[in-house]
C-alpha atoms as a PDB file:
ATOM      1  CA  UNK A   1     110.724 153.317  36.345  1.00  0.00           C
ATOM      2  CA  UNK A   2     111.773 150.177  34.422  1.00  0.00           C
ATOM      3  CA  UNK A   3     114.222 147.879  36.220  1.00  0.00           C
ATOM      4  CA  UNK A   4     115.901 144.598  35.263  1.00  0.00           C
ATOM      5  CA  UNK A   5     113.484 142.808  37.588  1.00  0.00           C
ATOM      6  CA  UNK A   6     110.682 143.759  35.195  1.00  0.00           C
ATOM      7  CA  UNK A   7     112.436 141.802  32.433  1.00  0.00           C
ATOM      8  CA  UNK A   8     113.363 138.767  34.525  1.00  0.00           C
ATOM      9  CA  UNK A   9     109.887 137.511  35.407  1.00  0.00           C
ATOM     10  CA  UNK A  10     108.860 133.951  34.582  1.00  0.00           C
ATOM     11  CA  UNK A  11     105.980 135.278  32.496  1.00  0.00           C
ATOM     12  CA  UNK A  12     108.321 137.356  30.329  1.00  0.00           C
ATOM     13  CA  UNK A  13     110.992 134.674  29.947  1.00  0.00           C
ATOM     14  CA  UNK A  14     108.475 131.998  28.940  1.00  0.00           C
ATOM     15  CA  UNK A  15     106.965 134.338  26.352  1.00  0.00           C
ATOM     16  CA  UNK A  16     110.369 135.206  24.889  1.00  0.00           C
ATOM     17  CA  UNK A  17     111.568 131.595  24.851  1.00  0.00           C
ATOM     18  CA  UNK A  18     108.406 130.202  23.266  1.00  0.00           C
ATOM     19  CA  UNK A  19     108.395 133.031  20.725  1.00  0.00           C
ATOM     20  CA  UNK A  20     111.911 132.136  19.580  1.00  0.00           C
ATOM     21  CA  UNK A  21     111.064 128.432  19.391  1.00  0.00           C
ATOM     22  CA  UNK A  22     108.156 129.298  17.089  1.00  0.00           C
ATOM     23  CA  UNK A  23     110.465 131.559  15.092  1.00  0.00           C
ATOM     24  CA  UNK A  24     112.888 128.653  14.571  1.00  0.00           C
ATOM     25  CA  UNK A  25     109.997 126.493  13.369  1.00  0.00           C
ATOM     26  CA  UNK A  26     109.093 129.173  10.816  1.00  0.00           C
ATOM     27  CA  UNK A  27     112.728 129.190   9.705  1.00  0.00           C
ATOM     28  CA  UNK A  28     112.628 125.419   9.196  1.00  0.00           C
ATOM     29  CA  UNK A  29     109.462 125.702   7.097  1.00  0.00           C
ATOM     30  CA  UNK A  30     111.236 128.315   4.985  1.00  0.00           C
ATOM     31  CA  UNK A  31     114.134 125.969   4.306  1.00  0.00           C
ATOM     32  CA  UNK A  32     111.711 123.151   3.455  1.00  0.00           C
ATOM     33  CA  UNK A  33     109.856 125.424   1.029  1.00  0.00           C
ATOM     34  CA  UNK A  34     113.153 126.516  -0.553  1.00  0.00           C
ATOM     35  CA  UNK A  35     114.167 122.900  -1.057  1.00  0.00           C
ATOM     36  CA  UNK A  36     110.826 122.099  -2.712  1.00  0.00           C
ATOM     37  CA  UNK A  37     111.129 125.190  -4.906  1.00  0.00           C
ATOM     38  CA  UNK A  38     114.651 124.164  -5.893  1.00  0.00           C
ATOM     39  CA  UNK A  39     113.241 120.821  -7.049  1.00  0.00           C
ATOM     40  CA  UNK A  40     110.652 122.641  -9.168  1.00  0.00           C
ATOM     41  CA  UNK A  41     107.697 121.801  -6.895  1.00  0.00           C
ATOM     42  CA  UNK A  42     105.222 124.681  -6.605  1.00  0.00           C
ATOM     43  CA  UNK A  43     102.224 123.568  -4.529  1.00  0.00           C
ATOM     44  CA  UNK A  44     101.768 125.957  -1.565  1.00  0.00           C
ATOM     45  CA  UNK A  45      98.300 124.744  -0.559  1.00  0.00           C
ATOM     46  CA  UNK A  46      99.381 121.104  -0.739  1.00  0.00           C
ATOM     47  CA  UNK A  47     102.269 121.830   1.625  1.00  0.00           C
ATOM     48  CA  UNK A  48      99.859 123.129   4.278  1.00  0.00           C
ATOM     49  CA  UNK A  49      97.275 120.383   3.745  1.00  0.00           C
ATOM     50  CA  UNK A  50      99.070 117.722   5.831  1.00  0.00           C
ATOM     51  CA  UNK A  51      99.465 120.193   8.700  1.00  0.00           C
ATOM     52  CA  UNK A  52      95.705 120.705   8.863  1.00  0.00           C
ATOM     53  CA  UNK A  53      95.171 116.932   8.722  1.00  0.00           C
ATOM     54  CA  UNK A  54      97.568 116.435  11.662  1.00  0.00           C
ATOM     55  CA  UNK A  55      95.745 119.132  13.658  1.00  0.00           C
ATOM     56  CA  UNK A  56      92.362 117.548  12.936  1.00  0.00           C
ATOM     57  CA  UNK A  57      93.522 114.035  13.906  1.00  0.00           C
ATOM     58  CA  UNK A  58      95.421 114.935  17.088  1.00  0.00           C
ATOM     59  CA  UNK A  59      93.221 117.661  18.580  1.00  0.00           C
ATOM     60  CA  UNK A  60      90.015 116.198  17.161  1.00  0.00           C
ATOM     61  CA  UNK A  61      90.737 112.956  19.012  1.00  0.00           C
ATOM     62  CA  UNK A  62      91.343 114.863  22.256  1.00  0.00           C
ATOM     63  CA  UNK A  63      88.106 116.794  21.785  1.00  0.00           C
ATOM     64  CA  UNK A  64      86.103 113.605  21.173  1.00  0.00           C
ATOM     65  CA  UNK A  65      87.639 112.017  24.257  1.00  0.00           C
ATOM     66  CA  UNK A  66      86.583 114.993  26.386  1.00  0.00           C
ATOM     67  CA  UNK A  67      82.990 114.963  25.061  1.00  0.00           C
ATOM     68  CA  UNK A  68      82.479 118.588  26.025  1.00  0.00           C
ATOM     69  CA  UNK A  69      79.992 121.031  24.547  1.00  0.00           C
ATOM     70  CA  UNK A  70      81.363 123.563  22.051  1.00  0.00           C
ATOM     71  CA  UNK A  71      82.320 126.909  23.551  1.00  0.00           C
ATOM     72  CA  UNK A  72      82.063 128.779  20.234  1.00  0.00           C
ATOM     73  CA  UNK A  73      79.895 128.471  17.133  1.00  0.00           C
ATOM     74  CA  UNK A  74      81.294 126.085  14.498  1.00  0.00           C
ATOM     75  CA  UNK A  75      80.844 128.580  11.642  1.00  0.00           C
ATOM     76  CA  UNK A  76      83.256 130.989  13.332  1.00  0.00           C
ATOM     77  CA  UNK A  77      85.924 128.303  13.057  1.00  0.00           C
ATOM     78  CA  UNK A  78      84.954 127.778   9.409  1.00  0.00           C
ATOM     79  CA  UNK A  79      85.605 131.457   8.663  1.00  0.00           C
ATOM     80  CA  UNK A  80      88.895 131.313  10.588  1.00  0.00           C
ATOM     81  CA  UNK A  81      89.980 128.247   8.605  1.00  0.00           C
ATOM     82  CA  UNK A  82      89.221 130.020   5.327  1.00  0.00           C
ATOM     83  CA  UNK A  83      91.197 133.112   6.373  1.00  0.00           C
ATOM     84  CA  UNK A  84      94.161 131.034   7.555  1.00  0.00           C
ATOM     85  CA  UNK A  85      94.389 128.892   4.408  1.00  0.00           C
ATOM     86  CA  UNK A  86      94.210 131.891   2.081  1.00  0.00           C
ATOM     87  CA  UNK A  87      96.764 133.863   4.122  1.00  0.00           C
ATOM     88  CA  UNK A  88      99.286 131.034   3.739  1.00  0.00           C
ATOM     89  CA  UNK A  89      98.484 130.686   0.045  1.00  0.00           C
ATOM     90  CA  UNK A  90      98.804 134.393  -0.817  1.00  0.00           C
ATOM     91  CA  UNK A  91     102.165 134.949   0.908  1.00  0.00           C
ATOM     92  CA  UNK A  92     103.757 131.812  -0.562  1.00  0.00           C
ATOM     93  CA  UNK A  93     102.336 132.669  -3.990  1.00  0.00           C
ATOM     94  CA  UNK A  94     103.888 136.146  -3.820  1.00  0.00           C
ATOM     95  CA  UNK A  95     107.408 134.676  -4.045  1.00  0.00           C
ATOM     96  CA  UNK A  96     106.700 133.865  -7.713  1.00  0.00           C
ATOM     97  CA  UNK A  97     106.237 137.529  -8.582  1.00  0.00           C
ATOM     98  CA  UNK A  98     108.355 139.707  -6.296  1.00  0.00           C
ATOM     99  CA  UNK A  99     111.666 139.621  -4.443  1.00  0.00           C
ATOM    100  CA  UNK A 100     112.341 137.968  -1.097  1.00  0.00           C
ATOM    101  CA  UNK A 101     113.299 141.385   0.290  1.00  0.00           C
ATOM    102  CA  UNK A 102     109.938 142.869  -0.668  1.00  0.00           C
ATOM    103  CA  UNK A 103     108.042 139.962   0.882  1.00  0.00           C
ATOM    104  CA  UNK A 104     110.072 140.267   4.084  1.00  0.00           C
ATOM    105  CA  UNK A 105     109.456 144.006   4.382  1.00  0.00           C
ATOM    106  CA  UNK A 106     105.767 144.018   3.430  1.00  0.00           C
ATOM    107  CA  UNK A 107     105.005 141.053   5.686  1.00  0.00           C
ATOM    108  CA  UNK A 108     105.575 143.477   8.583  1.00  0.00           C
ATOM    109  CA  UNK A 109     102.182 144.924   7.681  1.00  0.00           C
ATOM    110  CA  UNK A 110     100.777 142.184   9.939  1.00  0.00           C
ATOM    111  CA  UNK A 111     102.039 144.043  13.032  1.00  0.00           C
ATOM    112  CA  UNK A 112     100.085 147.326  12.603  1.00  0.00           C
ATOM    113  CA  UNK A 113      97.066 145.228  11.547  1.00  0.00           C
ATOM    114  CA  UNK A 114      97.272 143.248  14.789  1.00  0.00           C
ATOM    115  CA  UNK A 115      97.780 146.396  16.871  1.00  0.00           C
ATOM    116  CA  UNK A 116      94.678 148.004  15.358  1.00  0.00           C
ATOM    117  CA  UNK A 117      92.490 144.887  15.490  1.00  0.00           C
ATOM    118  CA  UNK A 118      93.368 144.059  19.121  1.00  0.00           C
ATOM    119  CA  UNK A 119      92.789 147.698  20.107  1.00  0.00           C
ATOM    120  CA  UNK A 120      89.482 147.970  18.226  1.00  0.00           C
ATOM    121  CA  UNK A 121      87.922 144.525  18.846  1.00  0.00           C
ATOM    122  CA  UNK A 122      89.651 143.137  21.947  1.00  0.00           C
ATOM    123  CA  UNK A 123      89.968 146.555  23.641  1.00  0.00           C
ATOM    124  CA  UNK A 124      93.678 145.952  24.328  1.00  0.00           C
ATOM    125  CA  UNK A 125      95.490 148.999  25.692  1.00  0.00           C
ATOM    126  CA  UNK A 126      99.174 149.379  24.838  1.00  0.00           C
ATOM    127  CA  UNK A 127     101.598 151.211  27.091  1.00  0.00           C
ATOM    128  CA  UNK A 128     104.112 153.597  25.522  1.00  0.00           C
ATOM    129  CA  UNK A 129     106.919 151.134  26.353  1.00  0.00           C
ATOM    130  CA  UNK A 130     105.267 148.408  24.252  1.00  0.00           C
ATOM    131  CA  UNK A 131     104.924 150.748  21.262  1.00  0.00           C
ATOM    132  CA  UNK A 132     108.620 151.618  21.594  1.00  0.00           C
ATOM    133  CA  UNK A 133     109.416 147.894  21.513  1.00  0.00           C
ATOM    134  CA  UNK A 134     107.378 147.483  18.317  1.00  0.00           C
ATOM    135  CA  UNK A 135     109.228 150.364  16.630  1.00  0.00           C
ATOM    136  CA  UNK A 136     112.633 148.916  17.597  1.00  0.00           C
ATOM    137  CA  UNK A 137     111.689 145.489  16.197  1.00  0.00           C
ATOM    138  CA  UNK A 138     110.499 146.940  12.887  1.00  0.00           C
ATOM    139  CA  UNK A 139     113.640 149.086  12.680  1.00  0.00           C
ATOM    140  CA  UNK A 140     115.717 145.924  13.025  1.00  0.00           C
ATOM    141  CA  UNK A 141     113.899 144.295  10.123  1.00  0.00           C
ATOM    142  CA  UNK A 142     114.376 147.409   7.965  1.00  0.00           C
ATOM    143  CA  UNK A 143     118.113 147.038   8.602  1.00  0.00           C
ATOM    144  CA  UNK A 144     117.887 143.519   7.135  1.00  0.00           C
ATOM    145  CA  UNK A 145     116.251 144.935   4.012  1.00  0.00           C
ATOM    146  CA  UNK A 146     118.966 147.549   3.599  1.00  0.00           C
ATOM    147  CA  UNK A 147     121.530 144.799   4.094  1.00  0.00           C
ATOM    148  CA  UNK A 148     120.041 142.835   1.203  1.00  0.00           C
ATOM    149  CA  UNK A 149     120.100 145.919  -1.006  1.00  0.00           C
ATOM    150  CA  UNK A 150     123.668 146.677   0.085  1.00  0.00           C
ATOM    151  CA  UNK A 151     124.710 143.120  -0.818  1.00  0.00           C
ATOM    152  CA  UNK A 152     122.976 143.329  -4.205  1.00  0.00           C
ATOM    153  CA  UNK A 153     120.842 140.367  -3.149  1.00  0.00           C
ATOM    154  CA  UNK A 154     117.604 141.731  -4.544  1.00  0.00           C
ATOM    155  CA  UNK A 155     115.874 140.549  -7.691  1.00  0.00           C
ATOM    156  CA  UNK A 156     112.948 142.464  -9.066  1.00  0.00           C
ATOM    157  CA  UNK A 157     110.680 139.498  -9.780  1.00  0.00           C
ATOM    158  CA  UNK A 158     108.440 138.939 -12.794  1.00  0.00           C
ATOM    159  CA  UNK A 159     105.628 141.201 -11.569  1.00  0.00           C
ATOM    160  CA  UNK A 160     106.665 143.139  -8.403  1.00  0.00           C
ATOM    161  CA  UNK A 161     103.426 145.126  -8.059  1.00  0.00           C
ATOM    162  CA  UNK A 162     101.275 141.994  -8.192  1.00  0.00           C
ATOM    163  CA  UNK A 163     103.587 140.226  -5.751  1.00  0.00           C
ATOM    164  CA  UNK A 164     103.582 143.148  -3.322  1.00  0.00           C
ATOM    165  CA  UNK A 165      99.773 143.316  -3.363  1.00  0.00           C
ATOM    166  CA  UNK A 166      99.593 139.586  -2.654  1.00  0.00           C
ATOM    167  CA  UNK A 167     101.908 139.995   0.360  1.00  0.00           C
ATOM    168  CA  UNK A 168      99.888 142.909   1.748  1.00  0.00           C
ATOM    169  CA  UNK A 169      96.649 140.946   1.335  1.00  0.00           C
ATOM    170  CA  UNK A 170      98.185 137.861   2.951  1.00  0.00           C
ATOM    171  CA  UNK A 171      99.679 139.881   5.826  1.00  0.00           C
ATOM    172  CA  UNK A 172      96.282 141.470   6.486  1.00  0.00           C
ATOM    173  CA  UNK A 173      94.662 138.030   6.637  1.00  0.00           C
ATOM    174  CA  UNK A 174      97.447 136.862   8.976  1.00  0.00           C
ATOM    175  CA  UNK A 175      96.535 139.746  11.279  1.00  0.00           C
ATOM    176  CA  UNK A 176      92.851 138.786  11.223  1.00  0.00           C
ATOM    177  CA  UNK A 177      93.739 135.130  11.857  1.00  0.00           C
ATOM    178  CA  UNK A 178      96.099 135.894  14.764  1.00  0.00           C
ATOM    179  CA  UNK A 179      93.653 138.208  16.521  1.00  0.00           C
ATOM    180  CA  UNK A 180      90.773 135.753  15.999  1.00  0.00           C
ATOM    181  CA  UNK A 181      92.866 132.942  17.466  1.00  0.00           C
ATOM    182  CA  UNK A 182      93.777 135.141  20.439  1.00  0.00           C
ATOM    183  CA  UNK A 183      90.068 135.800  21.037  1.00  0.00           C
ATOM    184  CA  UNK A 184      89.141 132.086  20.854  1.00  0.00           C
ATOM    185  CA  UNK A 185      92.063 131.038  23.050  1.00  0.00           C
ATOM    186  CA  UNK A 186      91.028 133.469  25.782  1.00  0.00           C
ATOM    187  CA  UNK A 187      87.261 133.022  25.490  1.00  0.00           C
ATOM    188  CA  UNK A 188      86.808 129.430  24.252  1.00  0.00           C
ATOM    189  CA  UNK A 189      89.201 126.451  24.314  1.00  0.00           C
ATOM    190  CA  UNK A 190      92.635 125.838  22.754  1.00  0.00           C
ATOM    191  CA  UNK A 191      91.973 122.191  21.857  1.00  0.00           C
ATOM    192  CA  UNK A 192      88.621 123.062  20.303  1.00  0.00           C
ATOM    193  CA  UNK A 193      90.262 125.861  18.292  1.00  0.00           C
ATOM    194  CA  UNK A 194      93.037 123.620  16.929  1.00  0.00           C
ATOM    195  CA  UNK A 195      90.644 120.755  16.132  1.00  0.00           C
ATOM    196  CA  UNK A 196      88.217 122.850  14.102  1.00  0.00           C
ATOM    197  CA  UNK A 197      90.999 124.854  12.472  1.00  0.00           C
ATOM    198  CA  UNK A 198      92.467 121.537  11.321  1.00  0.00           C
ATOM    199  CA  UNK A 199      89.129 120.121  10.137  1.00  0.00           C
ATOM    200  CA  UNK A 200      88.002 123.162   8.170  1.00  0.00           C
ATOM    201  CA  UNK A 201      91.542 124.004   7.024  1.00  0.00           C
ATOM    202  CA  UNK A 202      91.912 120.489   5.575  1.00  0.00           C
ATOM    203  CA  UNK A 203      88.530 120.643   3.821  1.00  0.00           C
ATOM    204  CA  UNK A 204      89.180 124.084   2.319  1.00  0.00           C
ATOM    205  CA  UNK A 205      92.733 123.114   1.309  1.00  0.00           C
ATOM    206  CA  UNK A 206      91.486 119.923  -0.369  1.00  0.00           C
ATOM    207  CA  UNK A 207      88.936 121.902  -2.404  1.00  0.00           C
ATOM    208  CA  UNK A 208      91.560 124.459  -3.407  1.00  0.00           C
ATOM    209  CA  UNK A 209      94.095 121.756  -4.341  1.00  0.00           C
ATOM    210  CA  UNK A 210      91.543 120.031  -6.595  1.00  0.00           C
ATOM    211  CA  UNK A 211      91.018 123.303  -8.451  1.00  0.00           C
ATOM    212  CA  UNK A 212      94.455 124.978  -8.534  1.00  0.00           C
ATOM    213  CA  UNK A 213      97.142 122.360  -7.902  1.00  0.00           C
ATOM    214  CA  UNK A 214      95.791 119.123  -9.348  1.00  0.00           C
ATOM    215  CA  UNK A 215      98.048 119.178 -12.420  1.00  0.00           C
ATOM    216  CA  UNK A 216     101.071 120.232 -10.373  1.00  0.00           C
ATOM    217  CA  UNK A 217     100.711 117.245  -8.045  1.00  0.00           C
ATOM    218  CA  UNK A 218     100.373 114.869 -10.972  1.00  0.00           C
ATOM    219  CA  UNK A 219     103.614 116.128 -12.499  1.00  0.00           C
ATOM    220  CA  UNK A 220     105.671 115.596  -9.302  1.00  0.00           C
ATOM    221  CA  UNK A 221     108.045 112.635  -9.376  1.00  0.00           C
ATOM    222  CA  UNK A 222     107.666 111.410  -5.797  1.00  0.00           C
ATOM    223  CA  UNK A 223     111.010 110.367  -4.409  1.00  0.00           C
ATOM    224  CA  UNK A 224     112.485 110.479  -0.910  1.00  0.00           C
ATOM    225  CA  UNK A 225     114.065 113.837  -1.769  1.00  0.00           C
ATOM    226  CA  UNK A 226     110.659 115.263  -2.675  1.00  0.00           C
ATOM    227  CA  UNK A 227     108.629 113.609   0.098  1.00  0.00           C
ATOM    228  CA  UNK A 228     110.903 114.431   3.050  1.00  0.00           C
ATOM    229  CA  UNK A 229     110.669 118.250   2.666  1.00  0.00           C
ATOM    230  CA  UNK A 230     106.888 117.883   2.419  1.00  0.00           C
ATOM    231  CA  UNK A 231     106.733 115.863   5.627  1.00  0.00           C
ATOM    232  CA  UNK A 232     109.291 118.082   7.394  1.00  0.00           C
ATOM    233  CA  UNK A 233     107.288 121.185   6.475  1.00  0.00           C
ATOM    234  CA  UNK A 234     104.069 119.630   7.785  1.00  0.00           C
ATOM    235  CA  UNK A 235     105.605 118.504  11.094  1.00  0.00           C
ATOM    236  CA  UNK A 236     107.174 121.939  11.691  1.00  0.00           C
ATOM    237  CA  UNK A 237     103.875 123.645  10.869  1.00  0.00           C
ATOM    238  CA  UNK A 238     101.985 121.306  13.209  1.00  0.00           C
ATOM    239  CA  UNK A 239     104.332 122.168  16.085  1.00  0.00           C
ATOM    240  CA  UNK A 240     104.085 125.858  15.178  1.00  0.00           C
ATOM    241  CA  UNK A 241     100.283 125.851  15.148  1.00  0.00           C
ATOM    242  CA  UNK A 242     100.240 123.920  18.438  1.00  0.00           C
ATOM    243  CA  UNK A 243     102.511 126.476  20.118  1.00  0.00           C
ATOM    244  CA  UNK A 244     100.837 129.621  18.771  1.00  0.00           C
ATOM    245  CA  UNK A 245      97.719 129.467  21.025  1.00  0.00           C
ATOM    246  CA  UNK A 246      99.941 129.080  24.095  1.00  0.00           C
ATOM    247  CA  UNK A 247     101.934 132.212  23.241  1.00  0.00           C
ATOM    248  CA  UNK A 248      98.728 134.071  22.354  1.00  0.00           C
ATOM    249  CA  UNK A 249      97.338 133.322  25.806  1.00  0.00           C
ATOM    250  CA  UNK A 250     100.599 134.312  27.533  1.00  0.00           C
ATOM    251  CA  UNK A 251     101.588 137.436  25.617  1.00  0.00           C
ATOM    252  CA  UNK A 252      99.044 138.175  22.860  1.00  0.00           C
ATOM    253  CA  UNK A 253      99.150 138.327  19.051  1.00  0.00           C
ATOM    254  CA  UNK A 254     101.417 141.386  18.865  1.00  0.00           C
ATOM    255  CA  UNK A 255     104.175 139.575  20.777  1.00  0.00           C
ATOM    256  CA  UNK A 256     103.728 136.576  18.456  1.00  0.00           C
ATOM    257  CA  UNK A 257     104.295 138.617  15.307  1.00  0.00           C
ATOM    258  CA  UNK A 258     107.220 140.508  16.803  1.00  0.00           C
ATOM    259  CA  UNK A 259     108.863 137.207  17.790  1.00  0.00           C
ATOM    260  CA  UNK A 260     108.498 135.852  14.257  1.00  0.00           C
ATOM    261  CA  UNK A 261     110.559 138.754  12.920  1.00  0.00           C
ATOM    262  CA  UNK A 262     113.685 136.930  14.099  1.00  0.00           C
ATOM    263  CA  UNK A 263     113.027 133.956  11.783  1.00  0.00           C
ATOM    264  CA  UNK A 264     115.023 135.639   9.009  1.00  0.00           C
ATOM    265  CA  UNK A 265     117.926 136.204  11.399  1.00  0.00           C
ATOM    266  CA  UNK A 266     117.895 132.543  12.469  1.00  0.00           C
ATOM    267  CA  UNK A 267     118.044 131.634   8.789  1.00  0.00           C
ATOM    268  CA  UNK A 268     121.180 133.772   8.479  1.00  0.00           C
ATOM    269  CA  UNK A 269     122.843 131.957  11.398  1.00  0.00           C
ATOM    270  CA  UNK A 270     122.020 128.602   9.801  1.00  0.00           C
ATOM    271  CA  UNK A 271     123.560 129.809   6.544  1.00  0.00           C
ATOM    272  CA  UNK A 272     126.724 130.778   8.430  1.00  0.00           C
ATOM    273  CA  UNK A 273     127.248 127.665  10.547  1.00  0.00           C
ATOM    274  CA  UNK A 274     125.599 124.943   8.454  1.00  0.00           C
ATOM    275  CA  UNK A 275     126.420 126.124   4.933  1.00  0.00           C
ATOM    276  CA  UNK A 276     129.507 128.250   5.759  1.00  0.00           C
ATOM    277  CA  UNK A 277     128.166 131.217   3.778  1.00  0.00           C
ATOM    278  CA  UNK A 278     129.248 134.799   4.330  1.00  0.00           C
ATOM    279  CA  UNK A 279     126.602 137.367   5.275  1.00  0.00           C
ATOM    280  CA  UNK A 280     126.619 141.123   5.689  1.00  0.00           C
ATOM    281  CA  UNK A 281     127.502 142.476   9.151  1.00  0.00           C
ATOM    282  CA  UNK A 282     124.255 144.453   9.211  1.00  0.00           C
ATOM    283  CA  UNK A 283     122.350 141.229   9.857  1.00  0.00           C
ATOM    284  CA  UNK A 284     123.898 141.015  13.315  1.00  0.00           C
ATOM    285  CA  UNK A 285     122.901 144.621  14.045  1.00  0.00           C
ATOM    286  CA  UNK A 286     119.351 143.803  12.950  1.00  0.00           C
ATOM    287  CA  UNK A 287     119.231 140.666  15.110  1.00  0.00           C
ATOM    288  CA  UNK A 288     120.365 142.668  18.160  1.00  0.00           C
ATOM    289  CA  UNK A 289     117.757 145.387  17.461  1.00  0.00           C
ATOM    290  CA  UNK A 290     114.904 142.883  17.215  1.00  0.00           C
ATOM    291  CA  UNK A 291     116.081 141.132  20.399  1.00  0.00           C
ATOM    292  CA  UNK A 292     116.164 144.447  22.301  1.00  0.00           C
ATOM    293  CA  UNK A 293     112.728 145.374  20.939  1.00  0.00           C
ATOM    294  CA  UNK A 294     111.250 142.067  22.128  1.00  0.00           C
ATOM    295  CA  UNK A 295     112.704 142.544  25.616  1.00  0.00           C
ATOM    296  CA  UNK A 296     111.421 146.127  25.819  1.00  0.00           C
ATOM    297  CA  UNK A 297     107.956 145.048  24.647  1.00  0.00           C
ATOM    298  CA  UNK A 298     107.819 142.125  27.103  1.00  0.00           C
ATOM    299  CA  UNK A 299     109.097 144.223  29.997  1.00  0.00           C
ATOM    300  CA  UNK A 300     105.778 146.036  30.228  1.00  0.00           C
ATOM    301  CA  UNK A 301     103.960 142.887  31.371  1.00  0.00           C
ATOM    302  CA  UNK A 302     105.420 142.936  34.891  1.00  0.00           C
ATOM    303  CA  UNK A 303     104.716 146.643  35.214  1.00  0.00           C
ATOM    304  CA  UNK A 304     101.083 146.111  34.211  1.00  0.00           C
ATOM    305  CA  UNK A 305     100.727 143.250  36.691  1.00  0.00           C
ATOM    306  CA  UNK A 306     102.212 145.379  39.486  1.00  0.00           C
ATOM    307  CA  UNK A 307      99.899 148.247  38.609  1.00  0.00           C
ATOM    308  CA  UNK A 308      96.911 145.922  38.711  1.00  0.00           C
ATOM    309  CA  UNK A 309      97.974 144.505  42.068  1.00  0.00           C
ATOM    310  CA  UNK A 310      98.446 147.985  43.539  1.00  0.00           C
ATOM    311  CA  UNK A 311      95.037 148.961  42.183  1.00  0.00           C
ATOM    312  CA  UNK A 312      93.451 145.907  43.808  1.00  0.00           C
ATOM    313  CA  UNK A 313      95.141 146.722  47.127  1.00  0.00           C
ATOM    314  CA  UNK A 314      93.916 150.307  46.940  1.00  0.00           C
ATOM    315  CA  UNK A 315      90.399 149.117  46.215  1.00  0.00           C
ATOM    316  CA  UNK A 316      90.604 146.638  49.086  1.00  0.00           C
ATOM    317  CA  UNK A 317      91.922 149.327  51.452  1.00  0.00           C
ATOM    318  CA  UNK A 318      89.209 151.699  50.315  1.00  0.00           C
ATOM    319  CA  UNK A 319      86.550 149.076  50.950  1.00  0.00           C
ATOM    320  CA  UNK A 320      87.934 148.410  54.423  1.00  0.00           C
ATOM    321  CA  UNK A 321      87.932 152.156  55.167  1.00  0.00           C
ATOM    322  CA  UNK A 322      84.344 152.456  54.003  1.00  0.00           C
ATOM    323  CA  UNK A 323      83.368 149.421  56.079  1.00  0.00           C
ATOM    324  CA  UNK A 324      85.109 150.857  59.167  1.00  0.00           C
ATOM    325  CA  UNK A 325      83.406 154.207  58.685  1.00  0.00           C
ATOM    326  CA  UNK A 326      80.023 152.543  58.269  1.00  0.00           C
ATOM    327  CA  UNK A 327      80.562 150.427  61.387  1.00  0.00           C
ATOM    328  CA  UNK A 328      81.562 153.510  63.399  1.00  0.00           C
ATOM    329  CA  UNK A 329      78.501 155.386  62.192  1.00  0.00           C
ATOM    330  CA  UNK A 330      76.327 152.389  63.083  1.00  0.00           C
ATOM    331  CA  UNK A 331      77.809 152.168  66.570  1.00  0.00           C
ATOM    332  CA  UNK A 332      77.264 155.893  67.049  1.00  0.00           C
ATOM    333  CA  UNK A 333      73.669 155.572  65.976  1.00  0.00           C
ATOM    334  CA  UNK A 334      73.033 152.643  68.304  1.00  0.00           C
ATOM    335  CA  UNK A 335      74.620 154.514  71.231  1.00  0.00           C
ATOM    336  CA  UNK A 336      72.464 157.566  70.566  1.00  0.00           C
ATOM    337  CA  UNK A 337      69.353 155.388  70.382  1.00  0.00           C
ATOM    338  CA  UNK A 338      70.114 153.727  73.738  1.00  0.00           C
ATOM    339  CA  UNK A 339      70.526 157.126  75.326  1.00  0.00           C
END
């Protein structure tokens, strides 16, 4: 039976708190991207490039200082860097072709991808309570979509089918990236992961920029108004990437993606209090649903830990019983021999 004590553990609270901090960072990157788009700057790979450079410099320096042998093959990190760069590129690119509502809904495809990949490759077993939490979170996001439709805040886009396919492809790559990072965090080293992700991400981004965004960068009139959103985006992404491995180790990739669902709700609150805009009441219902879903999903952690502890105690008791029985049999045998 689930009790409030299951939800109040330090493990659960840290996971929830860190997840919402990462969600706020995603919200800030969204506002930075919107500001760049408003200024007519369309360079998605260039926006992410500085983030990878920061990761390479900071975590690469720590890794060199440690002078430790690699715990995973370098070419695995190369593949992860390629997947991560292209996932970011595809989802940002999709905004040119389809509506924000479509991107927001289809981006949820990451969650079933993560559930399947962690179950198939990492052999993660999900309790029924966790699956219920996932369903509640997704239901909350669907409410947001209906709210946008209800408010007539949906534009079709220039090529919705192309945009939707880009989002699905990007969300699938996000799932692969998240699960791969979870594997490396738990089997290798967090600093090593971030360092190589930054190195290979920067190299791949630089190659892609030289091919796809060279003319766009030349046409940008670099002023403080254009440079600050770029820098703000990169700093927020650096903090986000630094926090992701910690949450992956604490709660796993499914909890990460569920936590990020609230980023759209945080954006709504910023619109209300910072820009004094009016929003539909359904947003608040959606925010509450996602919050409840996260708590329900996280509540299973304590139960699993208790089950494991009980199992260990039972095994220990069983071993002691076997040992006692063996000792009694041995004593009986020795007594019979003496007789």
